[in-house]
């Protein structure tokens, strides 16, 4: 244990480290006491030019402005859900849960994709009171209905 009254050695004075003397604000050599720049001088009034042109930053030139208005986007395809009796060939399922005793009524869920595959699997048990309504998805083109072909049909058949 060190004695408490032991003195520490004093650090060496800053002058011994060959440092520059401190500049005091009132020092006659202070550069901050010079007069402020004259902004009416022509050196300050000419327009500045950028050393790099903006074309160096863009990888391709901008297209010329079009004289014709752009075509409106095509409307999204209209889809219909056609009821089917086969859960295995359905593209979508409407899952309706039994009403709960609360004030809010439960909303049906439309299941497609992975969620539908999960419900369709043979190992999956559906809760009591849940109703499943299978549907085929049909796209309308030009007033006629076109049956939607999905890759899900082929995966569902090959997984059994």
C-alpha atoms as a PDB file:
ATOM      1  CA  UNK A   1       0.000   0.000   0.000  1.00  0.00           C
ATOM      2  CA  UNK A   2       1.330   3.437  -0.928  1.00  0.00           C
ATOM      3  CA  UNK A   3       1.660   6.128   1.704  1.00  0.00           C
ATOM      4  CA  UNK A   4      -1.019   8.811   1.338  1.00  0.00           C
ATOM      5  CA  UNK A   5       1.332  11.741   1.832  1.00  0.00           C
ATOM      6  CA  UNK A   6       3.652  10.724  -1.003  1.00  0.00           C
ATOM      7  CA  UNK A   7       4.023  13.570  -3.503  1.00  0.00           C
ATOM      8  CA  UNK A   8       3.767  13.116  -7.239  1.00  0.00           C
ATOM      9  CA  UNK A   9       6.510  14.528  -9.435  1.00  0.00           C
ATOM     10  CA  UNK A  10       5.530  17.832 -11.075  1.00  0.00           C
ATOM     11  CA  UNK A  11       5.232  17.778 -14.885  1.00  0.00           C
ATOM     12  CA  UNK A  12       7.869  19.592 -16.901  1.00  0.00           C
ATOM     13  CA  UNK A  13       7.002  23.150 -17.982  1.00  0.00           C
ATOM     14  CA  UNK A  14       5.520  23.471 -21.477  1.00  0.00           C
ATOM     15  CA  UNK A  15       8.419  25.650 -22.629  1.00  0.00           C
ATOM     16  CA  UNK A  16      10.728  22.666 -22.323  1.00  0.00           C
ATOM     17  CA  UNK A  17       8.777  20.798 -25.067  1.00  0.00           C
ATOM     18  CA  UNK A  18       9.675  23.327 -27.806  1.00  0.00           C
ATOM     19  CA  UNK A  19       6.064  24.377 -28.341  1.00  0.00           C
ATOM     20  CA  UNK A  20       5.113  27.658 -29.974  1.00  0.00           C
ATOM     21  CA  UNK A  21       4.110  30.458 -27.664  1.00  0.00           C
ATOM     22  CA  UNK A  22       0.388  31.017 -27.235  1.00  0.00           C
ATOM     23  CA  UNK A  23      -1.104  33.830 -29.308  1.00  0.00           C
ATOM     24  CA  UNK A  24      -3.069  36.217 -27.167  1.00  0.00           C
ATOM     25  CA  UNK A  25      -6.050  38.152 -28.611  1.00  0.00           C
ATOM     26  CA  UNK A  26      -4.347  41.488 -27.929  1.00  0.00           C
ATOM     27  CA  UNK A  27      -1.065  40.352 -29.441  1.00  0.00           C
ATOM     28  CA  UNK A  28       0.010  42.702 -32.308  1.00  0.00           C
ATOM     29  CA  UNK A  29       0.827  39.612 -34.410  1.00  0.00           C
ATOM     30  CA  UNK A  30      -2.752  38.337 -34.198  1.00  0.00           C
ATOM     31  CA  UNK A  31      -4.074  37.852 -37.743  1.00  0.00           C
ATOM     32  CA  UNK A  32      -7.702  38.206 -36.654  1.00  0.00           C
ATOM     33  CA  UNK A  33      -7.354  41.918 -36.067  1.00  0.00           C
ATOM     34  CA  UNK A  34      -7.000  42.715 -39.753  1.00  0.00           C
ATOM     35  CA  UNK A  35      -9.775  44.700 -41.421  1.00  0.00           C
ATOM     36  CA  UNK A  36     -12.742  42.741 -42.816  1.00  0.00           C
ATOM     37  CA  UNK A  37     -12.753  42.001 -46.567  1.00  0.00           C
ATOM     38  CA  UNK A  38     -14.309  44.553 -48.920  1.00  0.00           C
ATOM     39  CA  UNK A  39     -17.138  42.670 -50.641  1.00  0.00           C
ATOM     40  CA  UNK A  40     -17.586  45.431 -53.237  1.00  0.00           C
ATOM     41  CA  UNK A  41     -14.157  44.456 -54.602  1.00  0.00           C
ATOM     42  CA  UNK A  42     -14.505  42.913 -58.143  1.00  0.00           C
ATOM     43  CA  UNK A  43     -12.798  39.754 -56.865  1.00  0.00           C
ATOM     44  CA  UNK A  44     -15.935  39.078 -54.821  1.00  0.00           C
ATOM     45  CA  UNK A  45     -18.580  40.138 -57.382  1.00  0.00           C
ATOM     46  CA  UNK A  46     -17.814  37.974 -60.450  1.00  0.00           C
ATOM     47  CA  UNK A  47     -19.908  34.816 -60.855  1.00  0.00           C
ATOM     48  CA  UNK A  48     -18.283  31.643 -59.636  1.00  0.00           C
ATOM     49  CA  UNK A  49     -17.819  28.746 -61.994  1.00  0.00           C
ATOM     50  CA  UNK A  50     -17.979  25.153 -60.930  1.00  0.00           C
ATOM     51  CA  UNK A  51     -14.757  23.285 -61.670  1.00  0.00           C
ATOM     52  CA  UNK A  52     -16.779  20.219 -62.759  1.00  0.00           C
ATOM     53  CA  UNK A  53     -19.651  20.255 -65.174  1.00  0.00           C
ATOM     54  CA  UNK A  54     -22.838  18.483 -64.164  1.00  0.00           C
ATOM     55  CA  UNK A  55     -22.559  16.182 -67.183  1.00  0.00           C
ATOM     56  CA  UNK A  56     -19.700  14.372 -65.475  1.00  0.00           C
ATOM     57  CA  UNK A  57     -22.074  13.219 -62.757  1.00  0.00           C
ATOM     58  CA  UNK A  58     -24.829  11.731 -64.921  1.00  0.00           C
ATOM     59  CA  UNK A  59     -24.200   8.420 -66.583  1.00  0.00           C
ATOM     60  CA  UNK A  60     -26.585   9.055 -69.473  1.00  0.00           C
ATOM     61  CA  UNK A  61     -28.083  12.179 -71.005  1.00  0.00           C
ATOM     62  CA  UNK A  62     -31.653  13.085 -70.151  1.00  0.00           C
ATOM     63  CA  UNK A  63     -34.188  12.218 -72.827  1.00  0.00           C
ATOM     64  CA  UNK A  64     -35.635  15.169 -74.724  1.00  0.00           C
ATOM     65  CA  UNK A  65     -39.029  16.295 -73.445  1.00  0.00           C
ATOM     66  CA  UNK A  66     -41.852  14.436 -75.168  1.00  0.00           C
ATOM     67  CA  UNK A  67     -44.332  16.379 -77.261  1.00  0.00           C
ATOM     68  CA  UNK A  68     -46.977  13.688 -76.755  1.00  0.00           C
ATOM     69  CA  UNK A  69     -48.570  13.011 -73.373  1.00  0.00           C
ATOM     70  CA  UNK A  70     -47.672   9.609 -71.945  1.00  0.00           C
ATOM     71  CA  UNK A  71     -50.164   6.784 -72.426  1.00  0.00           C
ATOM     72  CA  UNK A  72     -52.318   6.164 -69.370  1.00  0.00           C
ATOM     73  CA  UNK A  73     -51.362   2.955 -67.593  1.00  0.00           C
ATOM     74  CA  UNK A  74     -53.366  -0.120 -68.480  1.00  0.00           C
ATOM     75  CA  UNK A  75     -56.063  -0.895 -65.938  1.00  0.00           C
ATOM     76  CA  UNK A  76     -55.300  -3.844 -63.693  1.00  0.00           C
ATOM     77  CA  UNK A  77     -56.885  -7.098 -64.813  1.00  0.00           C
ATOM     78  CA  UNK A  78     -60.290  -7.850 -63.358  1.00  0.00           C
ATOM     79  CA  UNK A  79     -60.469 -11.053 -61.375  1.00  0.00           C
ATOM     80  CA  UNK A  80     -63.476 -13.153 -60.435  1.00  0.00           C
ATOM     81  CA  UNK A  81     -63.787 -15.836 -57.793  1.00  0.00           C
ATOM     82  CA  UNK A  82     -65.804 -18.784 -59.112  1.00  0.00           C
ATOM     83  CA  UNK A  83     -66.985 -21.265 -56.442  1.00  0.00           C
ATOM     84  CA  UNK A  84     -65.691 -24.800 -56.859  1.00  0.00           C
ATOM     85  CA  UNK A  85     -66.407 -27.980 -54.940  1.00  0.00           C
ATOM     86  CA  UNK A  86     -62.807 -29.230 -54.869  1.00  0.00           C
ATOM     87  CA  UNK A  87     -60.488 -27.870 -52.192  1.00  0.00           C
ATOM     88  CA  UNK A  88     -57.521 -29.614 -53.846  1.00  0.00           C
ATOM     89  CA  UNK A  89     -57.925 -27.719 -57.133  1.00  0.00           C
ATOM     90  CA  UNK A  90     -58.908 -24.349 -55.614  1.00  0.00           C
ATOM     91  CA  UNK A  91     -56.799 -21.246 -56.319  1.00  0.00           C
ATOM     92  CA  UNK A  92     -58.188 -19.476 -53.234  1.00  0.00           C
ATOM     93  CA  UNK A  93     -60.181 -20.307 -50.116  1.00  0.00           C
ATOM     94  CA  UNK A  94     -62.430 -18.069 -48.107  1.00  0.00           C
ATOM     95  CA  UNK A  95     -61.989 -19.054 -44.453  1.00  0.00           C
ATOM     96  CA  UNK A  96     -64.918 -18.095 -42.228  1.00  0.00           C
ATOM     97  CA  UNK A  97     -64.481 -18.436 -38.474  1.00  0.00           C
ATOM     98  CA  UNK A  98     -67.411 -19.006 -36.125  1.00  0.00           C
ATOM     99  CA  UNK A  99     -68.753 -15.883 -34.440  1.00  0.00           C
ATOM    100  CA  UNK A 100     -67.084 -15.125 -31.150  1.00  0.00           C
ATOM    101  CA  UNK A 101     -69.113 -13.946 -28.168  1.00  0.00           C
ATOM    102  CA  UNK A 102     -67.609 -10.439 -28.369  1.00  0.00           C
ATOM    103  CA  UNK A 103     -69.042  -7.277 -29.883  1.00  0.00           C
ATOM    104  CA  UNK A 104     -66.804  -7.403 -32.979  1.00  0.00           C
ATOM    105  CA  UNK A 105     -67.711  -9.854 -35.714  1.00  0.00           C
ATOM    106  CA  UNK A 106     -64.826 -11.811 -37.179  1.00  0.00           C
ATOM    107  CA  UNK A 107     -63.972 -11.060 -40.794  1.00  0.00           C
ATOM    108  CA  UNK A 108     -63.466 -13.874 -43.323  1.00  0.00           C
ATOM    109  CA  UNK A 109     -59.942 -14.403 -44.667  1.00  0.00           C
ATOM    110  CA  UNK A 110     -59.078 -14.970 -48.324  1.00  0.00           C
ATOM    111  CA  UNK A 111     -56.217 -17.459 -48.426  1.00  0.00           C
ATOM    112  CA  UNK A 112     -53.962 -17.902 -51.466  1.00  0.00           C
ATOM    113  CA  UNK A 113     -50.413 -19.127 -52.063  1.00  0.00           C
ATOM    114  CA  UNK A 114     -48.516 -20.524 -49.076  1.00  0.00           C
ATOM    115  CA  UNK A 115     -51.407 -19.880 -46.679  1.00  0.00           C
ATOM    116  CA  UNK A 116     -53.721 -21.943 -48.885  1.00  0.00           C
ATOM    117  CA  UNK A 117     -51.151 -24.759 -49.167  1.00  0.00           C
ATOM    118  CA  UNK A 118     -50.857 -24.786 -45.374  1.00  0.00           C
ATOM    119  CA  UNK A 119     -54.652 -25.130 -44.907  1.00  0.00           C
ATOM    120  CA  UNK A 120     -54.922 -27.674 -47.740  1.00  0.00           C
ATOM    121  CA  UNK A 121     -52.280 -30.044 -46.308  1.00  0.00           C
ATOM    122  CA  UNK A 122     -53.627 -33.403 -45.099  1.00  0.00           C
ATOM    123  CA  UNK A 123     -51.926 -33.101 -41.681  1.00  0.00           C
ATOM    124  CA  UNK A 124     -53.675 -29.817 -40.934  1.00  0.00           C
ATOM    125  CA  UNK A 125     -56.777 -30.027 -38.751  1.00  0.00           C
ATOM    126  CA  UNK A 126     -59.334 -27.273 -39.132  1.00  0.00           C
ATOM    127  CA  UNK A 127     -60.888 -25.925 -35.922  1.00  0.00           C
ATOM    128  CA  UNK A 128     -64.482 -26.809 -35.117  1.00  0.00           C
ATOM    129  CA  UNK A 129     -66.960 -24.358 -36.612  1.00  0.00           C
ATOM    130  CA  UNK A 130     -64.569 -23.002 -39.282  1.00  0.00           C
ATOM    131  CA  UNK A 131     -66.000 -23.057 -42.799  1.00  0.00           C
ATOM    132  CA  UNK A 132     -63.868 -23.224 -45.954  1.00  0.00           C
ATOM    133  CA  UNK A 133     -65.233 -22.023 -49.297  1.00  0.00           C
ATOM    134  CA  UNK A 134     -62.927 -22.989 -52.219  1.00  0.00           C
ATOM    135  CA  UNK A 135     -62.749 -20.818 -55.359  1.00  0.00           C
ATOM    136  CA  UNK A 136     -61.102 -20.770 -58.770  1.00  0.00           C
ATOM    137  CA  UNK A 137     -59.574 -17.428 -59.779  1.00  0.00           C
ATOM    138  CA  UNK A 138     -60.744 -16.322 -63.218  1.00  0.00           C
ATOM    139  CA  UNK A 139     -59.335 -13.334 -65.106  1.00  0.00           C
ATOM    140  CA  UNK A 140     -61.606 -11.357 -67.411  1.00  0.00           C
ATOM    141  CA  UNK A 141     -60.128 -10.386 -70.778  1.00  0.00           C
ATOM    142  CA  UNK A 142     -62.182  -8.418 -73.262  1.00  0.00           C
ATOM    143  CA  UNK A 143     -65.506  -9.434 -71.744  1.00  0.00           C
ATOM    144  CA  UNK A 144     -64.711 -13.160 -71.565  1.00  0.00           C
ATOM    145  CA  UNK A 145     -63.472 -15.095 -68.562  1.00  0.00           C
ATOM    146  CA  UNK A 146     -60.137 -16.919 -68.710  1.00  0.00           C
ATOM    147  CA  UNK A 147     -59.316 -19.564 -66.124  1.00  0.00           C
ATOM    148  CA  UNK A 148     -56.161 -18.681 -64.223  1.00  0.00           C
ATOM    149  CA  UNK A 149     -53.419 -21.284 -64.433  1.00  0.00           C
ATOM    150  CA  UNK A 150     -51.190 -21.274 -61.392  1.00  0.00           C
ATOM    151  CA  UNK A 151     -47.943 -23.005 -60.639  1.00  0.00           C
ATOM    152  CA  UNK A 152     -49.541 -23.837 -57.304  1.00  0.00           C
ATOM    153  CA  UNK A 153     -51.690 -26.536 -58.976  1.00  0.00           C
ATOM    154  CA  UNK A 154     -48.637 -28.447 -60.153  1.00  0.00           C
ATOM    155  CA  UNK A 155     -46.867 -28.120 -56.791  1.00  0.00           C
ATOM    156  CA  UNK A 156     -49.941 -29.241 -54.872  1.00  0.00           C
ATOM    157  CA  UNK A 157     -50.267 -32.364 -57.020  1.00  0.00           C
ATOM    158  CA  UNK A 158     -46.588 -33.281 -56.790  1.00  0.00           C
ATOM    159  CA  UNK A 159     -46.345 -32.878 -53.013  1.00  0.00           C
ATOM    160  CA  UNK A 160     -48.560 -35.894 -52.300  1.00  0.00           C
END
